PDB file of all heavy atoms in Angstrom:
ATOM      1  N   VAL A   1     -21.202   8.447 -16.352  1.00  0.00           N
ATOM      2  CA  VAL A   1     -21.068   7.557 -17.505  1.00  0.00           C
ATOM      3  C   VAL A   1     -22.433   6.911 -17.758  1.00  0.00           C
ATOM      4  O   VAL A   1     -22.944   6.182 -16.908  1.00  0.00           O
ATOM      5  CB  VAL A   1     -19.985   6.479 -17.260  1.00  0.00           C
ATOM      6  CG1 VAL A   1     -19.859   5.571 -18.470  1.00  0.00           C
ATOM      7  CG2 VAL A   1     -18.648   7.129 -16.922  1.00  0.00           C
ATOM      8  N   CYS A   2     -23.024   7.212 -18.902  1.00  0.00           N
ATOM      9  CA  CYS A   2     -24.334   6.655 -19.243  1.00  0.00           C
ATOM     10  C   CYS A   2     -24.198   5.330 -19.979  1.00  0.00           C
ATOM     11  O   CYS A   2     -25.012   4.433 -19.800  1.00  0.00           O
ATOM     12  CB  CYS A   2     -25.116   7.643 -20.092  1.00  0.00           C
ATOM     13  SG  CYS A   2     -25.452   9.203 -19.253  1.00  0.00           S
ATOM     14  N   SER A   3     -23.177   5.230 -20.815  1.00  0.00           N
ATOM     15  CA  SER A   3     -22.901   3.972 -21.498  1.00  0.00           C
ATOM     16  C   SER A   3     -21.428   3.931 -21.876  1.00  0.00           C
ATOM     17  O   SER A   3     -20.784   4.964 -22.045  1.00  0.00           O
ATOM     18  CB  SER A   3     -23.774   3.812 -22.751  1.00  0.00           C
ATOM     19  OG  SER A   3     -23.452   4.810 -23.710  1.00  0.00           O
ATOM     20  N   GLY A   4     -20.895   2.732 -21.965  1.00  0.00           N
ATOM     21  CA  GLY A   4     -19.490   2.551 -22.292  1.00  0.00           C
ATOM     22  C   GLY A   4     -18.621   2.462 -21.050  1.00  0.00           C
ATOM     23  O   GLY A   4     -19.123   2.418 -19.923  1.00  0.00           O
ATOM     24  N   ARG A   5     -17.303   2.433 -21.278  1.00  0.00           N
ATOM     25  CA  ARG A   5     -16.345   2.332 -20.179  1.00  0.00           C
ATOM     26  C   ARG A   5     -15.271   3.399 -20.333  1.00  0.00           C
ATOM     27  O   ARG A   5     -14.860   3.718 -21.442  1.00  0.00           O
ATOM     28  CB  ARG A   5     -15.685   0.949 -20.159  1.00  0.00           C
ATOM     29  CG  ARG A   5     -16.667  -0.176 -19.896  1.00  0.00           C
ATOM     30  CD  ARG A   5     -16.016  -1.543 -19.864  1.00  0.00           C
ATOM     31  NE  ARG A   5     -15.198  -1.765 -21.043  1.00  0.00           N
ATOM     32  CZ  ARG A   5     -14.007  -2.366 -21.014  1.00  0.00           C
ATOM     33  NH1 ARG A   5     -13.505  -2.826 -19.902  1.00  0.00           N
ATOM     34  NH2 ARG A   5     -13.319  -2.534 -22.126  1.00  0.00           N
ATOM     35  N   VAL A   6     -14.804   3.899 -19.190  1.00  0.00           N
ATOM     36  CA  VAL A   6     -13.810   4.967 -19.149  1.00  0.00           C
ATOM     37  C   VAL A   6     -12.662   4.532 -18.247  1.00  0.00           C
ATOM     38  O   VAL A   6     -12.883   4.113 -17.109  1.00  0.00           O
ATOM     39  CB  VAL A   6     -14.433   6.281 -18.609  1.00  0.00           C
ATOM     40  CG1 VAL A   6     -13.395   7.368 -18.503  1.00  0.00           C
ATOM     41  CG2 VAL A   6     -15.593   6.719 -19.485  1.00  0.00           C
ATOM     42  N   LYS A   7     -11.437   4.620 -18.756  1.00  0.00           N
ATOM     43  CA  LYS A   7     -10.252   4.294 -17.961  1.00  0.00           C
ATOM     44  C   LYS A   7      -9.793   5.554 -17.240  1.00  0.00           C
ATOM     45  O   LYS A   7      -9.621   6.606 -17.843  1.00  0.00           O
ATOM     46  CB  LYS A   7      -9.126   3.787 -18.870  1.00  0.00           C
ATOM     47  CG  LYS A   7      -7.822   3.520 -18.133  1.00  0.00           C
ATOM     48  CD  LYS A   7      -6.760   2.926 -19.036  1.00  0.00           C
ATOM     49  CE  LYS A   7      -6.290   3.926 -20.058  1.00  0.00           C
ATOM     50  NZ  LYS A   7      -5.161   3.443 -20.882  1.00  0.00           N
ATOM     51  N   LEU A   8      -9.592   5.441 -15.923  1.00  0.00           N
ATOM     52  CA  LEU A   8      -9.076   6.549 -15.123  1.00  0.00           C
ATOM     53  C   LEU A   8      -7.644   6.225 -14.734  1.00  0.00           C
ATOM     54  O   LEU A   8      -7.377   5.184 -14.136  1.00  0.00           O
ATOM     55  CB  LEU A   8      -9.932   6.745 -13.870  1.00  0.00           C
ATOM     56  CG  LEU A   8     -11.379   7.125 -14.169  1.00  0.00           C
ATOM     57  CD1 LEU A   8     -12.210   7.079 -12.908  1.00  0.00           C
ATOM     58  CD2 LEU A   8     -11.448   8.485 -14.802  1.00  0.00           C
ATOM     59  N   SER A   9      -6.732   7.124 -15.081  1.00  0.00           N
ATOM     60  CA  SER A   9      -5.323   6.896 -14.786  1.00  0.00           C
ATOM     61  C   SER A   9      -4.697   8.170 -14.228  1.00  0.00           C
ATOM     62  O   SER A   9      -5.210   9.267 -14.409  1.00  0.00           O
ATOM     63  CB  SER A   9      -4.579   6.454 -16.048  1.00  0.00           C
ATOM     64  OG  SER A   9      -4.667   7.450 -17.041  1.00  0.00           O
ATOM     65  N   ALA A  10      -3.569   7.984 -13.547  1.00  0.00           N
ATOM     66  CA  ALA A  10      -2.829   9.106 -12.973  1.00  0.00           C
ATOM     67  C   ALA A  10      -1.346   8.862 -13.189  1.00  0.00           C
ATOM     68  O   ALA A  10      -0.904   7.712 -13.257  1.00  0.00           O
ATOM     69  CB  ALA A  10      -3.133   9.254 -11.484  1.00  0.00           C
ATOM     70  N   GLY A  11      -0.593   9.938 -13.284  1.00  0.00           N
ATOM     71  CA  GLY A  11       0.847   9.826 -13.468  1.00  0.00           C
ATOM     72  C   GLY A  11       1.532   9.449 -12.168  1.00  0.00           C
ATOM     73  O   GLY A  11       1.161   9.904 -11.088  1.00  0.00           O
ATOM     74  N   SER A  12       2.541   8.590 -12.274  1.00  0.00           N
ATOM     75  CA  SER A  12       3.315   8.195 -11.094  1.00  0.00           C
ATOM     76  C   SER A  12       4.551   9.087 -10.986  1.00  0.00           C
ATOM     77  O   SER A  12       4.861   9.858 -11.891  1.00  0.00           O
ATOM     78  CB  SER A  12       3.737   6.730 -11.205  1.00  0.00           C
ATOM     79  OG  SER A  12       4.721   6.581 -12.224  1.00  0.00           O
ATOM     80  N   ALA A  13       5.270   8.940  -9.892  1.00  0.00           N
ATOM     81  CA  ALA A  13       6.496   9.712  -9.677  1.00  0.00           C
ATOM     82  C   ALA A  13       7.536   9.407 -10.752  1.00  0.00           C
ATOM     83  O   ALA A  13       8.351  10.269 -11.096  1.00  0.00           O
ATOM     84  CB  ALA A  13       7.063   9.417  -8.293  1.00  0.00           C
ATOM     85  N   SER A  14       7.496   8.194 -11.300  1.00  0.00           N
ATOM     86  CA  SER A  14       8.463   7.810 -12.335  1.00  0.00           C
ATOM     87  C   SER A  14       8.017   8.223 -13.733  1.00  0.00           C
ATOM     88  O   SER A  14       8.712   7.954 -14.705  1.00  0.00           O
ATOM     89  CB  SER A  14       8.702   6.299 -12.294  1.00  0.00           C
ATOM     90  OG  SER A  14       7.509   5.616 -12.623  1.00  0.00           O
ATOM     91  N   GLY A  15       6.849   8.880 -13.819  1.00  0.00           N
ATOM     92  CA  GLY A  15       6.367   9.350 -15.112  1.00  0.00           C
ATOM     93  C   GLY A  15       5.485   8.382 -15.865  1.00  0.00           C
ATOM     94  O   GLY A  15       5.034   8.681 -16.966  1.00  0.00           O
ATOM     95  N   LYS A  16       5.219   7.224 -15.296  1.00  0.00           N
ATOM     96  CA  LYS A  16       4.354   6.245 -15.937  1.00  0.00           C
ATOM     97  C   LYS A  16       2.908   6.484 -15.538  1.00  0.00           C
ATOM     98  O   LYS A  16       2.624   6.996 -14.456  1.00  0.00           O
ATOM     99  CB  LYS A  16       4.765   4.823 -15.548  1.00  0.00           C
ATOM    100  CG  LYS A  16       6.128   4.434 -16.055  1.00  0.00           C
ATOM    101  CD  LYS A  16       6.440   3.005 -15.712  1.00  0.00           C
ATOM    102  CE  LYS A  16       7.819   2.648 -16.244  1.00  0.00           C
ATOM    103  NZ  LYS A  16       8.136   1.250 -15.958  1.00  0.00           N
ATOM    104  N   ALA A  17       1.990   6.095 -16.403  1.00  0.00           N
ATOM    105  CA  ALA A  17       0.562   6.201 -16.103  1.00  0.00           C
ATOM    106  C   ALA A  17       0.110   4.956 -15.354  1.00  0.00           C
ATOM    107  O   ALA A  17       0.377   3.836 -15.782  1.00  0.00           O
ATOM    108  CB  ALA A  17      -0.240   6.362 -17.381  1.00  0.00           C
ATOM    109  N   LEU A  18      -0.549   5.169 -14.227  1.00  0.00           N
ATOM    110  CA  LEU A  18      -1.090   4.068 -13.428  1.00  0.00           C
ATOM    111  C   LEU A  18      -2.611   4.050 -13.587  1.00  0.00           C
ATOM    112  O   LEU A  18      -3.266   5.062 -13.383  1.00  0.00           O
ATOM    113  CB  LEU A  18      -0.741   4.256 -11.954  1.00  0.00           C
ATOM    114  CG  LEU A  18       0.737   4.338 -11.605  1.00  0.00           C
ATOM    115  CD1 LEU A  18       0.904   4.717 -10.142  1.00  0.00           C
ATOM    116  CD2 LEU A  18       1.403   3.009 -11.887  1.00  0.00           C
ATOM    117  N   ILE A  19      -3.139   2.896 -13.950  1.00  0.00           N
ATOM    118  CA  ILE A  19      -4.588   2.774 -14.069  1.00  0.00           C
ATOM    119  C   ILE A  19      -5.187   2.683 -12.674  1.00  0.00           C
ATOM    120  O   ILE A  19      -4.816   1.814 -11.888  1.00  0.00           O
ATOM    121  CB  ILE A  19      -4.976   1.548 -14.912  1.00  0.00           C
ATOM    122  CG1 ILE A  19      -4.434   1.705 -16.330  1.00  0.00           C
ATOM    123  CG2 ILE A  19      -6.492   1.371 -14.933  1.00  0.00           C
ATOM    124  CD1 ILE A  19      -4.622   0.476 -17.199  1.00  0.00           C
ATOM    125  N   LEU A  20      -6.095   3.606 -12.370  1.00  0.00           N
ATOM    126  CA  LEU A  20      -6.733   3.641 -11.056  1.00  0.00           C
ATOM    127  C   LEU A  20      -7.977   2.756 -11.018  1.00  0.00           C
ATOM    128  O   LEU A  20      -8.215   2.046 -10.052  1.00  0.00           O
ATOM    129  CB  LEU A  20      -7.098   5.070 -10.678  1.00  0.00           C
ATOM    130  CG  LEU A  20      -5.939   6.070 -10.664  1.00  0.00           C
ATOM    131  CD1 LEU A  20      -6.459   7.472 -10.426  1.00  0.00           C
ATOM    132  CD2 LEU A  20      -4.927   5.675  -9.603  1.00  0.00           C
ATOM    133  N   ARG A  21      -8.787   2.867 -12.062  1.00  0.00           N
ATOM    134  CA  ARG A  21      -9.995   2.053 -12.150  1.00  0.00           C
ATOM    135  C   ARG A  21     -10.625   2.230 -13.516  1.00  0.00           C
ATOM    136  O   ARG A  21     -10.250   3.118 -14.276  1.00  0.00           O
ATOM    137  CB  ARG A  21     -11.008   2.395 -11.058  1.00  0.00           C
ATOM    138  CG  ARG A  21     -11.708   3.737 -11.223  1.00  0.00           C
ATOM    139  CD  ARG A  21     -12.712   3.972 -10.084  1.00  0.00           C
ATOM    140  NE  ARG A  21     -13.263   5.295 -10.131  1.00  0.00           N
ATOM    141  CZ  ARG A  21     -14.507   5.584 -10.492  1.00  0.00           C
ATOM    142  NH1 ARG A  21     -15.332   4.621 -10.840  1.00  0.00           N
ATOM    143  NH2 ARG A  21     -14.938   6.829 -10.477  1.00  0.00           N
ATOM    144  N   ILE A  22     -11.596   1.383 -13.796  1.00  0.00           N
ATOM    145  CA  ILE A  22     -12.405   1.486 -15.003  1.00  0.00           C
ATOM    146  C   ILE A  22     -13.811   1.879 -14.550  1.00  0.00           C
ATOM    147  O   ILE A  22     -14.432   1.168 -13.760  1.00  0.00           O
ATOM    148  CB  ILE A  22     -12.458   0.149 -15.780  1.00  0.00           C
ATOM    149  CG1 ILE A  22     -11.051  -0.349 -16.111  1.00  0.00           C
ATOM    150  CG2 ILE A  22     -13.322   0.300 -17.025  1.00  0.00           C
ATOM    151  CD1 ILE A  22     -10.260   0.510 -17.064  1.00  0.00           C
ATOM    152  N   ALA A  23     -14.274   3.035 -15.015  1.00  0.00           N
ATOM    153  CA  ALA A  23     -15.634   3.481 -14.687  1.00  0.00           C
ATOM    154  C   ALA A  23     -16.585   2.948 -15.748  1.00  0.00           C
ATOM    155  O   ALA A  23     -16.290   2.993 -16.945  1.00  0.00           O
ATOM    156  CB  ALA A  23     -15.692   5.002 -14.632  1.00  0.00           C
ATOM    157  N   GLU A  24     -17.716   2.431 -15.291  1.00  0.00           N
ATOM    158  CA  GLU A  24     -18.703   1.847 -16.192  1.00  0.00           C
ATOM    159  C   GLU A  24     -20.019   2.600 -16.090  1.00  0.00           C
ATOM    160  O   GLU A  24     -20.160   3.526 -15.293  1.00  0.00           O
ATOM    161  CB  GLU A  24     -18.878   0.367 -15.855  1.00  0.00           C
ATOM    162  CG  GLU A  24     -17.591  -0.417 -16.051  1.00  0.00           C
ATOM    163  CD  GLU A  24     -17.745  -1.896 -15.782  1.00  0.00           C
ATOM    164  OE1 GLU A  24     -18.781  -2.307 -15.219  1.00  0.00           O
ATOM    165  OE2 GLU A  24     -16.822  -2.642 -16.141  1.00  0.00           O
ATOM    166  N   SER A  25     -20.962   2.194 -16.883  1.00  0.00           N
ATOM    167  CA  SER A  25     -22.274   2.820 -16.934  1.00  0.00           C
ATOM    168  C   SER A  25     -22.853   3.002 -15.530  1.00  0.00           C
ATOM    169  O   SER A  25     -22.836   2.081 -14.723  1.00  0.00           O
ATOM    170  CB  SER A  25     -23.213   1.962 -17.784  1.00  0.00           C
ATOM    171  OG  SER A  25     -24.476   2.560 -17.881  1.00  0.00           O
ATOM    172  N   GLY A  26     -23.320   4.206 -15.240  1.00  0.00           N
ATOM    173  CA  GLY A  26     -23.921   4.519 -13.945  1.00  0.00           C
ATOM    174  C   GLY A  26     -22.951   5.091 -12.936  1.00  0.00           C
ATOM    175  O   GLY A  26     -23.373   5.552 -11.880  1.00  0.00           O
ATOM    176  N   GLN A  27     -21.665   5.077 -13.233  1.00  0.00           N
ATOM    177  CA  GLN A  27     -20.677   5.578 -12.276  1.00  0.00           C
ATOM    178  C   GLN A  27     -20.340   7.043 -12.541  1.00  0.00           C
ATOM    179  O   GLN A  27     -20.450   7.529 -13.662  1.00  0.00           O
ATOM    180  CB  GLN A  27     -19.427   4.719 -12.299  1.00  0.00           C
ATOM    181  CG  GLN A  27     -19.695   3.309 -11.814  1.00  0.00           C
ATOM    182  CD  GLN A  27     -18.435   2.477 -11.721  1.00  0.00           C
ATOM    183  OE1 GLN A  27     -17.566   2.540 -12.575  1.00  0.00           O
ATOM    184  NE2 GLN A  27     -18.360   1.680 -10.661  1.00  0.00           N
ATOM    185  N   VAL A  28     -19.911   7.730 -11.476  1.00  0.00           N
ATOM    186  CA  VAL A  28     -19.578   9.152 -11.528  1.00  0.00           C
ATOM    187  C   VAL A  28     -18.062   9.313 -11.599  1.00  0.00           C
ATOM    188  O   VAL A  28     -17.327   8.642 -10.881  1.00  0.00           O
ATOM    189  CB  VAL A  28     -20.135   9.886 -10.284  1.00  0.00           C
ATOM    190  CG1 VAL A  28     -19.738  11.350 -10.287  1.00  0.00           C
ATOM    191  CG2 VAL A  28     -21.654   9.748 -10.233  1.00  0.00           C
ATOM    192  N   VAL A  29     -17.613  10.210 -12.452  1.00  0.00           N
ATOM    193  CA  VAL A  29     -16.191  10.512 -12.626  1.00  0.00           C
ATOM    194  C   VAL A  29     -15.967  11.979 -12.269  1.00  0.00           C
ATOM    195  O   VAL A  29     -16.755  12.839 -12.648  1.00  0.00           O
ATOM    196  CB  VAL A  29     -15.765  10.238 -14.086  1.00  0.00           C
ATOM    197  CG1 VAL A  29     -14.328  10.646 -14.321  1.00  0.00           C
ATOM    198  CG2 VAL A  29     -15.981   8.778 -14.443  1.00  0.00           C
ATOM    199  N   GLY A  30     -14.908  12.248 -11.523  1.00  0.00           N
ATOM    200  CA  GLY A  30     -14.564  13.625 -11.171  1.00  0.00           C
ATOM    201  C   GLY A  30     -15.144  14.102  -9.856  1.00  0.00           C
ATOM    202  O   GLY A  30     -15.083  15.286  -9.542  1.00  0.00           O
ATOM    203  N   LEU A  31     -15.671  13.192  -9.070  1.00  0.00           N
ATOM    204  CA  LEU A  31     -16.331  13.562  -7.818  1.00  0.00           C
ATOM    205  C   LEU A  31     -15.387  14.175  -6.775  1.00  0.00           C
ATOM    206  O   LEU A  31     -15.698  15.235  -6.225  1.00  0.00           O
ATOM    207  CB  LEU A  31     -17.064  12.352  -7.243  1.00  0.00           C
ATOM    208  CG  LEU A  31     -17.938  12.581  -6.030  1.00  0.00           C
ATOM    209  CD1 LEU A  31     -19.023  13.616  -6.306  1.00  0.00           C
ATOM    210  CD2 LEU A  31     -18.567  11.269  -5.596  1.00  0.00           C
ATOM    211  N   PRO A  32     -14.223  13.578  -6.482  1.00  0.00           N
ATOM    212  CA  PRO A  32     -13.365  14.156  -5.431  1.00  0.00           C
ATOM    213  C   PRO A  32     -12.966  15.613  -5.699  1.00  0.00           C
ATOM    214  O   PRO A  32     -13.062  16.459  -4.821  1.00  0.00           O
ATOM    215  CB  PRO A  32     -12.142  13.244  -5.408  1.00  0.00           C
ATOM    216  CG  PRO A  32     -12.630  11.936  -5.955  1.00  0.00           C
ATOM    217  CD  PRO A  32     -13.652  12.313  -6.986  1.00  0.00           C
ATOM    218  N   GLY A  33     -12.551  15.901  -6.915  1.00  0.00           N
ATOM    219  CA  GLY A  33     -12.154  17.263  -7.252  1.00  0.00           C
ATOM    220  C   GLY A  33     -13.327  18.232  -7.219  1.00  0.00           C
ATOM    221  O   GLY A  33     -13.201  19.374  -6.779  1.00  0.00           O
ATOM    222  N   THR A  34     -14.472  17.777  -7.673  1.00  0.00           N
ATOM    223  CA  THR A  34     -15.655  18.629  -7.689  1.00  0.00           C
ATOM    224  C   THR A  34     -16.075  18.992  -6.269  1.00  0.00           C
ATOM    225  O   THR A  34     -16.441  20.133  -5.993  1.00  0.00           O
ATOM    226  CB  THR A  34     -16.809  17.936  -8.442  1.00  0.00           C
ATOM    227  OG1 THR A  34     -16.381  17.705  -9.789  1.00  0.00           O
ATOM    228  CG2 THR A  34     -18.064  18.779  -8.443  1.00  0.00           C
ATOM    229  N   ILE A  35     -15.995  18.050  -5.355  1.00  0.00           N
ATOM    230  CA  ILE A  35     -16.365  18.312  -3.960  1.00  0.00           C
ATOM    231  C   ILE A  35     -15.323  19.194  -3.279  1.00  0.00           C
ATOM    232  O   ILE A  35     -15.660  20.164  -2.610  1.00  0.00           O
ATOM    233  CB  ILE A  35     -16.520  16.989  -3.172  1.00  0.00           C
ATOM    234  CG1 ILE A  35     -17.655  16.152  -3.742  1.00  0.00           C
ATOM    235  CG2 ILE A  35     -16.723  17.250  -1.688  1.00  0.00           C
ATOM    236  CD1 ILE A  35     -19.030  16.733  -3.572  1.00  0.00           C
ATOM    237  N   SER A  36     -14.041  18.869  -3.449  1.00  0.00           N
ATOM    238  CA  SER A  36     -12.972  19.573  -2.727  1.00  0.00           C
ATOM    239  C   SER A  36     -12.569  20.894  -3.364  1.00  0.00           C
ATOM    240  O   SER A  36     -12.015  21.755  -2.690  1.00  0.00           O
ATOM    241  CB  SER A  36     -11.733  18.670  -2.638  1.00  0.00           C
ATOM    242  OG  SER A  36     -11.134  18.530  -3.922  1.00  0.00           O
ATOM    243  N   GLY A  37     -12.812  21.034  -4.662  1.00  0.00           N
ATOM    244  CA  GLY A  37     -12.356  22.223  -5.367  1.00  0.00           C
ATOM    245  C   GLY A  37     -10.902  22.134  -5.798  1.00  0.00           C
ATOM    246  O   GLY A  37     -10.367  23.058  -6.397  1.00  0.00           O
ATOM    247  N   LYS A  38     -10.272  21.003  -5.508  1.00  0.00           N
ATOM    248  CA  LYS A  38      -8.877  20.792  -5.904  1.00  0.00           C
ATOM    249  C   LYS A  38      -8.841  20.202  -7.316  1.00  0.00           C
ATOM    250  O   LYS A  38      -9.817  19.596  -7.758  1.00  0.00           O
ATOM    251  CB  LYS A  38      -8.187  19.851  -4.919  1.00  0.00           C
ATOM    252  CG  LYS A  38      -8.067  20.450  -3.531  1.00  0.00           C
ATOM    253  CD  LYS A  38      -7.369  19.514  -2.586  1.00  0.00           C
ATOM    254  CE  LYS A  38      -7.297  20.149  -1.195  1.00  0.00           C
ATOM    255  NZ  LYS A  38      -6.695  19.235  -0.228  1.00  0.00           N
ATOM    256  N   PRO A  39      -7.723  20.349  -8.021  1.00  0.00           N
ATOM    257  CA  PRO A  39      -7.640  19.831  -9.390  1.00  0.00           C
ATOM    258  C   PRO A  39      -7.973  18.344  -9.476  1.00  0.00           C
ATOM    259  O   PRO A  39      -7.774  17.589  -8.523  1.00  0.00           O
ATOM    260  CB  PRO A  39      -6.178  20.079  -9.775  1.00  0.00           C
ATOM    261  CG  PRO A  39      -5.762  21.232  -8.912  1.00  0.00           C
ATOM    262  CD  PRO A  39      -6.492  21.033  -7.613  1.00  0.00           C
ATOM    263  N   TYR A  40      -8.483  17.968 -10.646  1.00  0.00           N
ATOM    264  CA  TYR A  40      -8.780  16.556 -10.888  1.00  0.00           C
ATOM    265  C   TYR A  40      -7.529  15.726 -10.632  1.00  0.00           C
ATOM    266  O   TYR A  40      -6.424  16.124 -10.988  1.00  0.00           O
ATOM    267  CB  TYR A  40      -9.236  16.333 -12.329  1.00  0.00           C
ATOM    268  CG  TYR A  40     -10.600  16.890 -12.658  1.00  0.00           C
ATOM    269  CD1 TYR A  40     -10.776  17.706 -13.759  1.00  0.00           C
ATOM    270  CD2 TYR A  40     -11.716  16.577 -11.894  1.00  0.00           C
ATOM    271  CE1 TYR A  40     -12.033  18.208 -14.089  1.00  0.00           C
ATOM    272  CE2 TYR A  40     -12.974  17.066 -12.207  1.00  0.00           C
ATOM    273  CZ  TYR A  40     -13.127  17.888 -13.317  1.00  0.00           C
ATOM    274  OH  TYR A  40     -14.359  18.376 -13.641  1.00  0.00           O
ATOM    275  N   GLU A  41      -7.705  14.559 -10.040  1.00  0.00           N
ATOM    276  CA  GLU A  41      -6.589  13.683  -9.678  1.00  0.00           C
ATOM    277  C   GLU A  41      -6.298  12.632 -10.734  1.00  0.00           C
ATOM    278  O   GLU A  41      -5.339  11.883 -10.608  1.00  0.00           O
ATOM    279  CB  GLU A  41      -6.894  12.992  -8.349  1.00  0.00           C
ATOM    280  CG  GLU A  41      -7.072  13.962  -7.201  1.00  0.00           C
ATOM    281  CD  GLU A  41      -7.543  13.280  -5.928  1.00  0.00           C
ATOM    282  OE1 GLU A  41      -8.019  12.129  -5.990  1.00  0.00           O
ATOM    283  OE2 GLU A  41      -7.434  13.907  -4.875  1.00  0.00           O
ATOM    284  N   ALA A  42      -7.133  12.542 -11.766  1.00  0.00           N
ATOM    285  CA  ALA A  42      -6.966  11.495 -12.769  1.00  0.00           C
ATOM    286  C   ALA A  42      -7.329  12.021 -14.146  1.00  0.00           C
ATOM    287  O   ALA A  42      -8.010  13.033 -14.283  1.00  0.00           O
ATOM    288  CB  ALA A  42      -7.841  10.290 -12.424  1.00  0.00           C
ATOM    289  N   THR A  43      -6.872  11.300 -15.138  1.00  0.00           N
ATOM    290  CA  THR A  43      -7.235  11.554 -16.526  1.00  0.00           C
ATOM    291  C   THR A  43      -8.193  10.456 -16.956  1.00  0.00           C
ATOM    292  O   THR A  43      -7.971   9.286 -16.655  1.00  0.00           O
ATOM    293  CB  THR A  43      -5.978  11.542 -17.425  1.00  0.00           C
ATOM    294  OG1 THR A  43      -5.139  12.633 -17.032  1.00  0.00           O
ATOM    295  CG2 THR A  43      -6.330  11.678 -18.889  1.00  0.00           C
ATOM    296  N   ALA A  44      -9.262  10.839 -17.644  1.00  0.00           N
ATOM    297  CA  ALA A  44     -10.247   9.879 -18.129  1.00  0.00           C
ATOM    298  C   ALA A  44     -10.055   9.676 -19.628  1.00  0.00           C
ATOM    299  O   ALA A  44      -9.852  10.631 -20.369  1.00  0.00           O
ATOM    300  CB  ALA A  44     -11.652  10.381 -17.841  1.00  0.00           C
ATOM    301  N   GLU A  45     -10.130   8.406 -20.040  1.00  0.00           N
ATOM    302  CA  GLU A  45      -9.972   8.063 -21.458  1.00  0.00           C
ATOM    303  C   GLU A  45     -11.025   7.032 -21.824  1.00  0.00           C
ATOM    304  O   GLU A  45     -11.139   5.985 -21.161  1.00  0.00           O
ATOM    305  CB  GLU A  45      -8.578   7.485 -21.682  1.00  0.00           C
ATOM    306  CG  GLU A  45      -8.304   7.072 -23.092  1.00  0.00           C
ATOM    307  CD  GLU A  45      -6.933   6.453 -23.249  1.00  0.00           C
ATOM    308  OE1 GLU A  45      -6.099   6.534 -22.331  1.00  0.00           O
ATOM    309  OE2 GLU A  45      -6.692   5.853 -24.312  1.00  0.00           O
ATOM    310  N   ALA A  46     -11.787   7.314 -22.866  1.00  0.00           N
ATOM    311  CA  ALA A  46     -12.814   6.374 -23.322  1.00  0.00           C
ATOM    312  C   ALA A  46     -12.152   5.117 -23.863  1.00  0.00           C
ATOM    313  O   ALA A  46     -11.213   5.194 -24.647  1.00  0.00           O
ATOM    314  CB  ALA A  46     -13.680   7.019 -24.384  1.00  0.00           C
ATOM    315  N   LEU A  47     -12.637   3.961 -23.428  1.00  0.00           N
ATOM    316  CA  LEU A  47     -12.127   2.685 -23.922  1.00  0.00           C
ATOM    317  C   LEU A  47     -12.926   2.177 -25.111  1.00  0.00           C
ATOM    318  O   LEU A  47     -12.507   1.237 -25.796  1.00  0.00           O
ATOM    319  CB  LEU A  47     -12.155   1.637 -22.806  1.00  0.00           C
ATOM    320  CG  LEU A  47     -11.222   1.911 -21.630  1.00  0.00           C
ATOM    321  CD1 LEU A  47     -11.443   0.895 -20.530  1.00  0.00           C
ATOM    322  CD2 LEU A  47      -9.773   1.892 -22.104  1.00  0.00           C
TER     323      LEU A  47
END
């Protein structure tokens, strides 16, 4: 993220979206999946 804010959320067992964190300028998004090779664990949405 170079500028702005991104909301990271994931679906819960009940089908609701849970906000995991807000990524801000300078932060990396998608790191766990990129390292492990497993699917992304969250959805990113520009705020």
